[in-house]
Structures are given as structure tokens and as C-alpha cells.
Amino acid sequence: MKTTTTRLLASIAILAAAAVGLATQDGKGKYAQVNGLKMYYEIHGTGKPLVLLHGAFGTAEGWAMLLPALSKNRQVIIIEQQGHGRTADIDRPLTYQQMAKDTAALLKQLNIKDADVFGYSMGGSTALELASKNPELVRKLVILGAGSGPIKETYAPEIYQQFKSITPENFDFPQVKDPYVKVAPDPSKWPVLVSKVTKLDAGGGMPVKDVKSIRAHTLIMMGDRDAVKPEHAVEMLRMIPNSQLAIFPGGDHFLPFTSPDKVLAFLVPFLDAPGPAQTTGGGS
């Protein structure tokens, strides 16, 4: 168990180290009161709105490798979720459903409708909830390294065991923790965040009917060595109408940080292309 835990921590250290020193904040950071949260967000660029939803332990800085390309002709809205980055935690569990509600409430405050949404990992599962419950807010949906079902069923078995072995005591590497400490309102809450993230799966995943209800034109992206099993990506393709699937050969869970150009090569053309009539794709 120690070996697999160390392997996971080393991988996430790569993720965190990639973001260190690549600040996105340039005076555009703001706060909004959302469902009891003082939620931090940034807006970059102008054009069609594109909402970026980070993964577990992520901060706005984590988007630095993708942001320049995405903000060239789009209004990019970066959100830091409950307990992450500059958004202080509050006394409630961390759930995909609640993060989707918080995201929807912020977008409504900003008078943003029909946005494109890109969610990575935890943010991808949140984005699926958002598209299902608030279809008027989501024009196109992109998820990377995320699933719709319980992680015990959708994660590769070894990755699932690694995830379940995480504790606040062993998940304390500086490369992982320092980006959080640098911006968090109360850095002493790190163990609380770790504990809440490890309990994220308590809800058991999205009901199949909710996944099938998604009407946004959807791109599912996954590395063939991702945390989520490729076969689950295919299941989502078949459930979500108007969906496409891109699986990256040799890709792991950290593609946005290790291979941003590969991600952009699929993401940007998908966002730029006109959406099809809502009659094709999966959902069978």
C-alpha cells in the first residue's frame, strides 16, 4: 500500500509542480457570495464564455498552461470551488452536486447563459452535474479524466486503491500542498480539504437517467492510462446524446499539465465548431 500511495503522490506532485510560479491572477480576481461561500473567480479575455472547473486540490494557477490559448477569443471564467484555492471552506460536505449548484449560482449572478464548460477530473464530474441540472447554462461540455459513476466502479482498480489510501497525514508533500498554502485564506484547513476530497464519492455517482438527460454537445477526453477506465468513457459516450470521445494513447490523468498541446488540439476545434442538431450521438 505504501508503494502505491507513493506512486500516486509522486504523480500529483508533477501536477502541482507544473502550476507553481505560473500565476493566472493579474488583477482580474473577484469574489461573489454564493450559497454561503465567498467564492473566488477570475475572468480573462472576451468573447463566448468558457467556464473552467479545476480538479481536486486545484487552484486558478493550475490552468496557466491552457489559459493563453483559450482566452485569445473567449471570455474565460475560472472558478475556485469550496475549500480550494482562495475560496474558504464552510461547514458542509464537499459534493459534486453542491459544487454544480455553486457554479450555477455564480454564472447566474454574472448573467452568463449558454456557456461552454470544461471540467477536469473532479471538475469534470461537477460539469456533468451542471449540464444535467442546468441545461440552459451549458452550450458545450468538455470533460477530461472524469466519470459519471462511483469511482469504485469507474476507476482502474489500482488507482482506486491508491485514492482510498490517501490520508491527511500521507498527503502532505510540499509540491502538492504549497500551491494551496500560497493562496488559501486559512492554510491550516489543508487536512480538512484532504479529508473532504477522499469522501467525495459518498454520493455514489450520477443516476443513469441524469447522464442521459444531458443535451449539451459533449466531448469526453481521456488518457488510455487515466484514472477512469476507458470502458467507462465508452459507456458515457453511449449514454450522452451529441457526444464524442477522444482517448489519448499513452495518456495518464495529468494530460493538461504534461501534454497541454495535445489537449488543446482537440479542445479548441471542438469549441470552435458549430454544434450539431440535438438528434445525434448516444443516449440509447
C-alpha atoms as a PDB file:
ATOM      1  CA  MET A   1       0.000   0.000   0.000  1.00  0.00           C
ATOM      2  CA  LYS A   2       2.863   2.332   0.784  1.00  0.00           C
ATOM      3  CA  THR A   3       4.273   1.833  -2.716  1.00  0.00           C
ATOM      4  CA  THR A   4       1.011   2.611  -4.491  1.00  0.00           C
ATOM      5  CA  THR A   5       0.357   5.626  -2.275  1.00  0.00           C
ATOM      6  CA  THR A   6       3.828   6.985  -3.003  1.00  0.00           C
ATOM      7  CA  ARG A   7       3.280   6.468  -6.723  1.00  0.00           C
ATOM      8  CA  LEU A   8       0.048   8.458  -6.618  1.00  0.00           C
ATOM      9  CA  LEU A   9       1.620  11.232  -4.580  1.00  0.00           C
ATOM     10  CA  ALA A  10       4.533  11.438  -6.990  1.00  0.00           C
ATOM     11  CA  SER A  11       2.131  11.788  -9.929  1.00  0.00           C
ATOM     12  CA  ILE A  12       0.167  14.530  -8.230  1.00  0.00           C
ATOM     13  CA  ALA A  13       3.428  16.248  -7.313  1.00  0.00           C
ATOM     14  CA  ILE A  14       4.097  16.508 -11.060  1.00  0.00           C
ATOM     15  CA  LEU A  15       0.690  18.122 -11.471  1.00  0.00           C
ATOM     16  CA  ALA A  16       1.256  20.621  -8.686  1.00  0.00           C
ATOM     17  CA  ALA A  17       4.819  21.439  -9.667  1.00  0.00           C
ATOM     18  CA  ALA A  18       3.657  22.259 -13.191  1.00  0.00           C
ATOM     19  CA  ALA A  19       1.491  25.047 -11.800  1.00  0.00           C
ATOM     20  CA  VAL A  20       3.998  26.570  -9.381  1.00  0.00           C
ATOM     21  CA  GLY A  21       5.006  30.046 -10.471  1.00  0.00           C
ATOM     22  CA  LEU A  22       2.524  30.138 -13.356  1.00  0.00           C
ATOM     23  CA  ALA A  23       0.071  32.555 -11.823  1.00  0.00           C
ATOM     24  CA  THR A  24      -3.034  33.450 -13.790  1.00  0.00           C
ATOM     25  CA  GLN A  25      -4.134  36.170 -11.383  1.00  0.00           C
ATOM     26  CA  ASP A  26      -3.488  39.572 -12.955  1.00  0.00           C
ATOM     27  CA  GLY A  27      -5.898  41.833 -11.137  1.00  0.00           C
ATOM     28  CA  LYS A  28      -8.924  40.025 -12.539  1.00  0.00           C
ATOM     29  CA  GLY A  29      -9.702  38.038  -9.386  1.00  0.00           C
ATOM     30  CA  LYS A  30     -13.042  38.727  -7.675  1.00  0.00           C
ATOM     31  CA  TYR A  31     -15.317  37.234  -5.037  1.00  0.00           C
ATOM     32  CA  ALA A  32     -19.041  36.534  -5.045  1.00  0.00           C
ATOM     33  CA  GLN A  33     -21.358  35.437  -2.249  1.00  0.00           C
ATOM     34  CA  VAL A  34     -22.703  32.087  -3.426  1.00  0.00           C
ATOM     35  CA  ASN A  35     -24.738  29.670  -1.274  1.00  0.00           C
ATOM     36  CA  GLY A  36     -22.868  30.669   1.872  1.00  0.00           C
ATOM     37  CA  LEU A  37     -19.476  30.704   0.146  1.00  0.00           C
ATOM     38  CA  LYS A  38     -17.230  33.639  -0.568  1.00  0.00           C
ATOM     39  CA  MET A  39     -16.374  32.155  -3.959  1.00  0.00           C
ATOM     40  CA  TYR A  40     -13.287  33.278  -5.858  1.00  0.00           C
ATOM     41  CA  TYR A  41     -13.324  33.602  -9.641  1.00  0.00           C
ATOM     42  CA  GLU A  42     -11.331  35.219 -12.430  1.00  0.00           C
ATOM     43  CA  ILE A  43     -12.384  36.450 -15.866  1.00  0.00           C
ATOM     44  CA  HIS A  44      -9.892  36.580 -18.737  1.00  0.00           C
ATOM     45  CA  GLY A  45     -10.410  37.666 -22.322  1.00  0.00           C
ATOM     46  CA  THR A  46     -13.576  38.475 -24.257  1.00  0.00           C
ATOM     47  CA  GLY A  47     -15.945  36.532 -26.481  1.00  0.00           C
ATOM     48  CA  LYS A  48     -18.074  33.453 -25.934  1.00  0.00           C
ATOM     49  CA  PRO A  49     -17.994  32.406 -22.268  1.00  0.00           C
ATOM     50  CA  LEU A  50     -15.898  29.365 -21.343  1.00  0.00           C
ATOM     51  CA  VAL A  51     -16.034  28.126 -17.741  1.00  0.00           C
ATOM     52  CA  LEU A  52     -13.047  26.180 -16.366  1.00  0.00           C
ATOM     53  CA  LEU A  53     -13.644  23.795 -13.445  1.00  0.00           C
ATOM     54  CA  HIS A  54     -10.480  22.527 -11.759  1.00  0.00           C
ATOM     55  CA  GLY A  55      -9.658  19.124 -10.326  1.00  0.00           C
ATOM     56  CA  ALA A  56      -9.253  18.134  -6.686  1.00  0.00           C
ATOM     57  CA  PHE A  57      -6.743  20.337  -4.794  1.00  0.00           C
ATOM     58  CA  GLY A  58      -6.606  22.647  -7.820  1.00  0.00           C
ATOM     59  CA  THR A  59      -6.266  26.432  -7.907  1.00  0.00           C
ATOM     60  CA  ALA A  60      -6.676  29.031 -10.642  1.00  0.00           C
ATOM     61  CA  GLU A  61      -2.934  28.817 -11.295  1.00  0.00           C
ATOM     62  CA  GLY A  62      -3.347  25.244 -12.492  1.00  0.00           C
ATOM     63  CA  TRP A  63      -4.899  26.488 -15.751  1.00  0.00           C
ATOM     64  CA  ALA A  64      -1.853  28.559 -16.695  1.00  0.00           C
ATOM     65  CA  MET A  65      -0.678  26.205 -19.458  1.00  0.00           C
ATOM     66  CA  LEU A  66      -4.048  26.263 -21.225  1.00  0.00           C
ATOM     67  CA  LEU A  67      -5.260  29.788 -20.458  1.00  0.00           C
ATOM     68  CA  PRO A  68      -3.318  31.791 -23.080  1.00  0.00           C
ATOM     69  CA  ALA A  69      -4.766  29.759 -25.950  1.00  0.00           C
ATOM     70  CA  LEU A  70      -8.267  29.601 -24.502  1.00  0.00           C
ATOM     71  CA  SER A  71      -8.547  33.321 -23.718  1.00  0.00           C
ATOM     72  CA  LYS A  72      -7.465  34.520 -27.158  1.00  0.00           C
ATOM     73  CA  ASN A  73     -11.045  34.823 -28.384  1.00  0.00           C
ATOM     74  CA  ARG A  74     -13.130  33.729 -25.405  1.00  0.00           C
ATOM     75  CA  GLN A  75     -14.257  35.117 -22.088  1.00  0.00           C
ATOM     76  CA  VAL A  76     -12.726  32.541 -19.747  1.00  0.00           C
ATOM     77  CA  ILE A  77     -14.252  32.236 -16.283  1.00  0.00           C
ATOM     78  CA  ILE A  78     -12.042  30.362 -13.801  1.00  0.00           C
ATOM     79  CA  ILE A  79     -13.767  29.256 -10.603  1.00  0.00           C
ATOM     80  CA  GLU A  80     -12.200  28.028  -7.354  1.00  0.00           C
ATOM     81  CA  GLN A  81     -14.593  25.656  -5.617  1.00  0.00           C
ATOM     82  CA  GLN A  82     -15.403  25.253  -1.919  1.00  0.00           C
ATOM     83  CA  GLY A  83     -12.257  24.827   0.163  1.00  0.00           C
ATOM     84  CA  HIS A  84      -9.977  25.170  -2.866  1.00  0.00           C
ATOM     85  CA  GLY A  85      -7.542  27.984  -3.541  1.00  0.00           C
ATOM     86  CA  ARG A  86      -8.864  31.317  -2.346  1.00  0.00           C
ATOM     87  CA  THR A  87     -12.412  30.080  -1.676  1.00  0.00           C
ATOM     88  CA  ALA A  88     -12.585  29.357   2.043  1.00  0.00           C
ATOM     89  CA  ASP A  89     -14.214  26.135   3.207  1.00  0.00           C
ATOM     90  CA  ILE A  90     -17.518  26.141   5.091  1.00  0.00           C
ATOM     91  CA  ASP A  91     -19.184  23.594   7.349  1.00  0.00           C
ATOM     92  CA  ARG A  92     -20.718  21.265   4.790  1.00  0.00           C
ATOM     93  CA  PRO A  93     -19.506  18.229   2.854  1.00  0.00           C
ATOM     94  CA  LEU A  94     -17.811  18.594  -0.495  1.00  0.00           C
ATOM     95  CA  THR A  95     -20.034  17.041  -3.188  1.00  0.00           C
ATOM     96  CA  TYR A  96     -20.268  17.206  -6.961  1.00  0.00           C
ATOM     97  CA  GLN A  97     -23.924  18.149  -6.653  1.00  0.00           C
ATOM     98  CA  GLN A  98     -23.206  21.119  -4.377  1.00  0.00           C
ATOM     99  CA  MET A  99     -20.269  22.319  -6.454  1.00  0.00           C
ATOM    100  CA  ALA A 100     -22.540  22.242  -9.516  1.00  0.00           C
ATOM    101  CA  LYS A 101     -25.137  24.286  -7.615  1.00  0.00           C
ATOM    102  CA  ASP A 102     -22.470  26.786  -6.558  1.00  0.00           C
ATOM    103  CA  THR A 103     -21.196  27.057 -10.123  1.00  0.00           C
ATOM    104  CA  ALA A 104     -24.721  27.589 -11.458  1.00  0.00           C
ATOM    105  CA  ALA A 105     -25.430  30.266  -8.869  1.00  0.00           C
ATOM    106  CA  LEU A 106     -22.254  32.158  -9.765  1.00  0.00           C
ATOM    107  CA  LEU A 107     -22.981  32.016 -13.501  1.00  0.00           C
ATOM    108  CA  LYS A 108     -26.481  33.341 -12.884  1.00  0.00           C
ATOM    109  CA  GLN A 109     -25.054  36.203 -10.820  1.00  0.00           C
ATOM    110  CA  LEU A 110     -22.740  37.011 -13.723  1.00  0.00           C
ATOM    111  CA  ASN A 111     -25.662  36.833 -16.180  1.00  0.00           C
ATOM    112  CA  ILE A 112     -23.905  34.095 -18.143  1.00  0.00           C
ATOM    113  CA  LYS A 113     -26.029  31.639 -20.118  1.00  0.00           C
ATOM    114  CA  ASP A 114     -25.267  29.129 -22.848  1.00  0.00           C
ATOM    115  CA  ALA A 115     -21.614  28.885 -21.802  1.00  0.00           C
ATOM    116  CA  ASP A 116     -19.085  26.291 -22.809  1.00  0.00           C
ATOM    117  CA  VAL A 117     -17.800  24.342 -19.796  1.00  0.00           C
ATOM    118  CA  PHE A 118     -14.512  22.442 -19.478  1.00  0.00           C
ATOM    119  CA  GLY A 119     -14.132  20.324 -16.355  1.00  0.00           C
ATOM    120  CA  TYR A 120     -11.016  18.386 -15.409  1.00  0.00           C
ATOM    121  CA  SER A 121     -11.140  15.390 -13.037  1.00  0.00           C
ATOM    122  CA  MET A 122     -13.297  16.488 -10.076  1.00  0.00           C
ATOM    123  CA  GLY A 123     -14.333  19.458 -12.192  1.00  0.00           C
ATOM    124  CA  GLY A 124     -15.456  17.120 -14.952  1.00  0.00           C
ATOM    125  CA  SER A 125     -17.833  15.264 -12.663  1.00  0.00           C
ATOM    126  CA  THR A 126     -19.088  18.635 -11.417  1.00  0.00           C
ATOM    127  CA  ALA A 127     -19.584  19.763 -15.017  1.00  0.00           C
ATOM    128  CA  LEU A 128     -21.705  16.687 -15.769  1.00  0.00           C
ATOM    129  CA  GLU A 129     -23.965  17.576 -12.839  1.00  0.00           C
ATOM    130  CA  LEU A 130     -24.149  21.181 -14.010  1.00  0.00           C
ATOM    131  CA  ALA A 131     -25.132  20.219 -17.558  1.00  0.00           C
ATOM    132  CA  SER A 132     -27.763  17.796 -16.319  1.00  0.00           C
ATOM    133  CA  LYS A 133     -29.417  20.097 -13.786  1.00  0.00           C
ATOM    134  CA  ASN A 134     -28.926  23.450 -15.571  1.00  0.00           C
ATOM    135  CA  PRO A 135     -29.083  22.809 -19.327  1.00  0.00           C
ATOM    136  CA  GLU A 136     -29.765  26.467 -20.042  1.00  0.00           C
ATOM    137  CA  LEU A 137     -26.299  27.345 -18.733  1.00  0.00           C
ATOM    138  CA  VAL A 138     -24.277  24.880 -20.806  1.00  0.00           C
ATOM    139  CA  ARG A 139     -23.910  25.073 -24.599  1.00  0.00           C
ATOM    140  CA  LYS A 140     -20.955  22.711 -24.994  1.00  0.00           C
ATOM    141  CA  LEU A 141     -19.480  20.401 -22.383  1.00  0.00           C
ATOM    142  CA  VAL A 142     -15.941  19.023 -22.238  1.00  0.00           C
ATOM    143  CA  ILE A 143     -14.721  16.651 -19.560  1.00  0.00           C
ATOM    144  CA  LEU A 144     -11.228  15.237 -19.139  1.00  0.00           C
ATOM    145  CA  GLY A 145     -10.263  12.437 -16.775  1.00  0.00           C
ATOM    146  CA  ALA A 146     -13.710  12.327 -15.175  1.00  0.00           C
ATOM    147  CA  GLY A 147     -16.539   9.838 -14.851  1.00  0.00           C
ATOM    148  CA  SER A 148     -20.215   9.808 -14.019  1.00  0.00           C
ATOM    149  CA  GLY A 149     -20.368   6.714 -11.820  1.00  0.00           C
ATOM    150  CA  PRO A 150     -18.981   5.681  -8.413  1.00  0.00           C
ATOM    151  CA  ILE A 151     -15.193   5.651  -8.539  1.00  0.00           C
ATOM    152  CA  LYS A 152     -15.087   2.088  -7.177  1.00  0.00           C
ATOM    153  CA  GLU A 153     -16.687   1.051 -10.454  1.00  0.00           C
ATOM    154  CA  THR A 154     -15.228   3.602 -12.858  1.00  0.00           C
ATOM    155  CA  TYR A 155     -11.603   3.878 -11.682  1.00  0.00           C
ATOM    156  CA  ALA A 156      -8.970   1.329 -12.587  1.00  0.00           C
ATOM    157  CA  PRO A 157      -8.658  -0.988  -9.537  1.00  0.00           C
ATOM    158  CA  GLU A 158      -5.091   0.019  -8.666  1.00  0.00           C
ATOM    159  CA  ILE A 159      -5.894   3.725  -8.938  1.00  0.00           C
ATOM    160  CA  TYR A 160      -8.975   3.252  -6.780  1.00  0.00           C
ATOM    161  CA  GLN A 161      -6.888   1.599  -4.056  1.00  0.00           C
ATOM    162  CA  GLN A 162      -4.351   4.411  -4.259  1.00  0.00           C
ATOM    163  CA  PHE A 163      -7.079   7.014  -3.888  1.00  0.00           C
ATOM    164  CA  LYS A 164      -8.647   5.234  -0.916  1.00  0.00           C
ATOM    165  CA  SER A 165      -5.235   5.084   0.809  1.00  0.00           C
ATOM    166  CA  ILE A 166      -4.891   8.884   0.911  1.00  0.00           C
ATOM    167  CA  THR A 167      -4.996  10.447   4.374  1.00  0.00           C
ATOM    168  CA  PRO A 168      -4.208  13.981   5.620  1.00  0.00           C
ATOM    169  CA  GLU A 169      -1.035  12.514   7.128  1.00  0.00           C
ATOM    170  CA  ASN A 170       0.408  10.940   3.963  1.00  0.00           C
ATOM    171  CA  PHE A 171      -0.880  13.548   1.511  1.00  0.00           C
ATOM    172  CA  ASP A 172       1.420  16.284   2.746  1.00  0.00           C
ATOM    173  CA  PHE A 173       4.122  16.614   0.074  1.00  0.00           C
ATOM    174  CA  PRO A 174       5.270  20.249  -0.344  1.00  0.00           C
ATOM    175  CA  GLN A 175       4.866  20.044  -4.135  1.00  0.00           C
ATOM    176  CA  VAL A 176       1.187  19.242  -3.625  1.00  0.00           C
ATOM    177  CA  LYS A 177       0.441  21.355  -0.595  1.00  0.00           C
ATOM    178  CA  ASP A 178       2.429  24.528  -1.293  1.00  0.00           C
ATOM    179  CA  PRO A 179       0.232  25.916  -4.116  1.00  0.00           C
ATOM    180  CA  TYR A 180      -2.741  25.661  -1.744  1.00  0.00           C
ATOM    181  CA  VAL A 181      -0.885  27.204   1.198  1.00  0.00           C
ATOM    182  CA  LYS A 182       0.247  30.092  -1.002  1.00  0.00           C
ATOM    183  CA  VAL A 183      -3.305  31.339  -1.659  1.00  0.00           C
ATOM    184  CA  ALA A 184      -5.689  29.730   0.876  1.00  0.00           C
ATOM    185  CA  PRO A 185      -7.455  32.068   3.326  1.00  0.00           C
ATOM    186  CA  ASP A 186      -6.596  29.600   6.121  1.00  0.00           C
ATOM    187  CA  PRO A 187      -3.799  27.180   5.158  1.00  0.00           C
ATOM    188  CA  SER A 188      -4.351  25.182   8.364  1.00  0.00           C
ATOM    189  CA  LYS A 189      -7.512  23.787   6.700  1.00  0.00           C
ATOM    190  CA  TRP A 190      -5.439  21.576   4.371  1.00  0.00           C
ATOM    191  CA  PRO A 191      -6.174  18.358   6.332  1.00  0.00           C
ATOM    192  CA  VAL A 192      -9.888  19.195   6.187  1.00  0.00           C
ATOM    193  CA  LEU A 193      -9.731  19.574   2.406  1.00  0.00           C
ATOM    194  CA  VAL A 194      -7.879  16.285   2.012  1.00  0.00           C
ATOM    195  CA  SER A 195     -10.448  14.519   4.171  1.00  0.00           C
ATOM    196  CA  LYS A 196     -13.377  16.010   2.238  1.00  0.00           C
ATOM    197  CA  VAL A 197     -11.892  15.121  -1.143  1.00  0.00           C
ATOM    198  CA  THR A 198     -11.437  11.497  -0.110  1.00  0.00           C
ATOM    199  CA  LYS A 199     -15.134  11.378   0.822  1.00  0.00           C
ATOM    200  CA  LEU A 200     -16.343  12.890  -2.454  1.00  0.00           C
ATOM    201  CA  ASP A 201     -17.555   9.555  -3.757  1.00  0.00           C
ATOM    202  CA  ALA A 202     -20.003   9.057  -0.885  1.00  0.00           C
ATOM    203  CA  GLY A 203     -22.875  10.145  -3.136  1.00  0.00           C
ATOM    204  CA  GLY A 204     -22.397   7.116  -5.369  1.00  0.00           C
ATOM    205  CA  GLY A 205     -22.226   8.871  -8.738  1.00  0.00           C
ATOM    206  CA  MET A 206     -24.898  10.255 -11.053  1.00  0.00           C
ATOM    207  CA  PRO A 207     -28.076   8.303 -11.810  1.00  0.00           C
ATOM    208  CA  VAL A 208     -28.043   6.975 -15.361  1.00  0.00           C
ATOM    209  CA  LYS A 209     -31.191   8.939 -16.191  1.00  0.00           C
ATOM    210  CA  ASP A 210     -29.402  12.184 -15.283  1.00  0.00           C
ATOM    211  CA  VAL A 211     -26.445  11.347 -17.512  1.00  0.00           C
ATOM    212  CA  LYS A 212     -28.801  10.542 -20.387  1.00  0.00           C
ATOM    213  CA  SER A 213     -30.619  13.842 -19.844  1.00  0.00           C
ATOM    214  CA  ILE A 214     -27.548  15.901 -20.837  1.00  0.00           C
ATOM    215  CA  ARG A 215     -28.273  17.769 -24.067  1.00  0.00           C
ATOM    216  CA  ALA A 216     -25.126  19.860 -24.392  1.00  0.00           C
ATOM    217  CA  HIS A 217     -22.842  18.887 -27.251  1.00  0.00           C
ATOM    218  CA  THR A 218     -20.220  16.918 -25.285  1.00  0.00           C
ATOM    219  CA  LEU A 219     -16.575  15.955 -25.760  1.00  0.00           C
ATOM    220  CA  ILE A 220     -15.269  13.235 -23.451  1.00  0.00           C
ATOM    221  CA  MET A 221     -11.455  13.173 -23.240  1.00  0.00           C
ATOM    222  CA  MET A 222      -9.432  10.504 -21.501  1.00  0.00           C
ATOM    223  CA  GLY A 223      -5.933   9.098 -21.441  1.00  0.00           C
ATOM    224  CA  ASP A 224      -5.792   5.374 -22.090  1.00  0.00           C
ATOM    225  CA  ARG A 225      -3.932   5.104 -18.771  1.00  0.00           C
ATOM    226  CA  ASP A 226      -6.188   7.551 -16.950  1.00  0.00           C
ATOM    227  CA  ALA A 227      -7.704   7.039 -13.512  1.00  0.00           C
ATOM    228  CA  VAL A 228     -11.081   6.406 -15.134  1.00  0.00           C
ATOM    229  CA  LYS A 229     -11.257   3.181 -17.142  1.00  0.00           C
ATOM    230  CA  PRO A 230     -11.578   3.621 -20.935  1.00  0.00           C
ATOM    231  CA  GLU A 231     -14.613   1.343 -20.920  1.00  0.00           C
ATOM    232  CA  HIS A 232     -16.435   3.816 -18.678  1.00  0.00           C
ATOM    233  CA  ALA A 233     -15.650   6.586 -21.160  1.00  0.00           C
ATOM    234  CA  VAL A 234     -17.322   4.444 -23.831  1.00  0.00           C
ATOM    235  CA  GLU A 235     -20.332   3.950 -21.531  1.00  0.00           C
ATOM    236  CA  MET A 236     -20.688   7.720 -21.176  1.00  0.00           C
ATOM    237  CA  LEU A 237     -20.388   8.125 -24.944  1.00  0.00           C
ATOM    238  CA  ARG A 238     -23.322   5.770 -25.377  1.00  0.00           C
ATOM    239  CA  MET A 239     -25.401   7.480 -22.694  1.00  0.00           C
ATOM    240  CA  ILE A 240     -24.905  11.147 -23.578  1.00  0.00           C
ATOM    241  CA  PRO A 241     -26.630  12.384 -26.744  1.00  0.00           C
ATOM    242  CA  ASN A 242     -24.488  14.531 -29.069  1.00  0.00           C
ATOM    243  CA  SER A 243     -21.269  13.172 -27.557  1.00  0.00           C
ATOM    244  CA  GLN A 244     -17.797  12.452 -28.910  1.00  0.00           C
ATOM    245  CA  LEU A 245     -14.898  10.538 -27.393  1.00  0.00           C
ATOM    246  CA  ALA A 246     -11.165  11.208 -27.648  1.00  0.00           C
ATOM    247  CA  ILE A 247      -8.771   8.746 -25.988  1.00  0.00           C
ATOM    248  CA  PHE A 248      -5.102   9.759 -25.931  1.00  0.00           C
ATOM    249  CA  PRO A 249      -2.602   6.919 -26.497  1.00  0.00           C
ATOM    250  CA  GLY A 250      -0.181   6.674 -23.589  1.00  0.00           C
ATOM    251  CA  GLY A 251      -2.038   9.437 -21.739  1.00  0.00           C
ATOM    252  CA  ASP A 252      -2.397   9.403 -17.970  1.00  0.00           C
ATOM    253  CA  HIS A 253      -4.509  11.554 -15.631  1.00  0.00           C
ATOM    254  CA  PHE A 254      -2.258  14.607 -15.900  1.00  0.00           C
ATOM    255  CA  LEU A 255      -2.545  15.481 -19.594  1.00  0.00           C
ATOM    256  CA  PRO A 256      -3.411  19.186 -19.032  1.00  0.00           C
ATOM    257  CA  PHE A 257      -0.033  19.597 -17.317  1.00  0.00           C
ATOM    258  CA  THR A 258       2.206  17.143 -19.174  1.00  0.00           C
ATOM    259  CA  SER A 259       0.731  17.491 -22.696  1.00  0.00           C
ATOM    260  CA  PRO A 260      -1.289  20.731 -22.897  1.00  0.00           C
ATOM    261  CA  ASP A 261      -0.772  20.999 -26.664  1.00  0.00           C
ATOM    262  CA  LYS A 262      -2.435  17.615 -27.201  1.00  0.00           C
ATOM    263  CA  VAL A 263      -5.411  18.672 -25.091  1.00  0.00           C
ATOM    264  CA  LEU A 264      -5.751  21.987 -26.936  1.00  0.00           C
ATOM    265  CA  ALA A 265      -5.540  20.232 -30.313  1.00  0.00           C
ATOM    266  CA  PHE A 266      -8.874  18.534 -29.559  1.00  0.00           C
ATOM    267  CA  LEU A 267     -10.453  21.074 -27.218  1.00  0.00           C
ATOM    268  CA  VAL A 268     -10.184  24.241 -29.334  1.00  0.00           C
ATOM    269  CA  PRO A 269     -11.590  22.804 -32.604  1.00  0.00           C
ATOM    270  CA  PHE A 270     -14.454  21.238 -30.672  1.00  0.00           C
ATOM    271  CA  LEU A 271     -15.351  24.540 -29.049  1.00  0.00           C
ATOM    272  CA  ASP A 272     -14.977  26.442 -32.329  1.00  0.00           C
ATOM    273  CA  ALA A 273     -17.125  24.082 -34.390  1.00  0.00           C
ATOM    274  CA  PRO A 274     -20.853  24.782 -34.704  1.00  0.00           C
ATOM    275  CA  GLY A 275     -22.947  22.496 -32.523  1.00  0.00           C
ATOM    276  CA  PRO A 276     -24.998  19.826 -34.313  1.00  0.00           C
ATOM    277  CA  ALA A 277     -28.761  19.484 -34.210  1.00  0.00           C
ATOM    278  CA  GLN A 278     -29.648  17.771 -30.950  1.00  0.00           C
ATOM    279  CA  THR A 279     -30.626  14.488 -32.559  1.00  0.00           C
ATOM    280  CA  THR A 280     -27.383  12.515 -32.910  1.00  0.00           C
ATOM    281  CA  GLY A 281     -24.987  10.634 -30.652  1.00  0.00           C
ATOM    282  CA  GLY A 282     -25.616   8.246 -27.792  1.00  0.00           C
ATOM    283  CA  GLY A 283     -28.353   8.075 -25.221  1.00  0.00           C
ATOM    284  CA  SER A 284     -29.523   4.607 -26.138  1.00  0.00           C
END
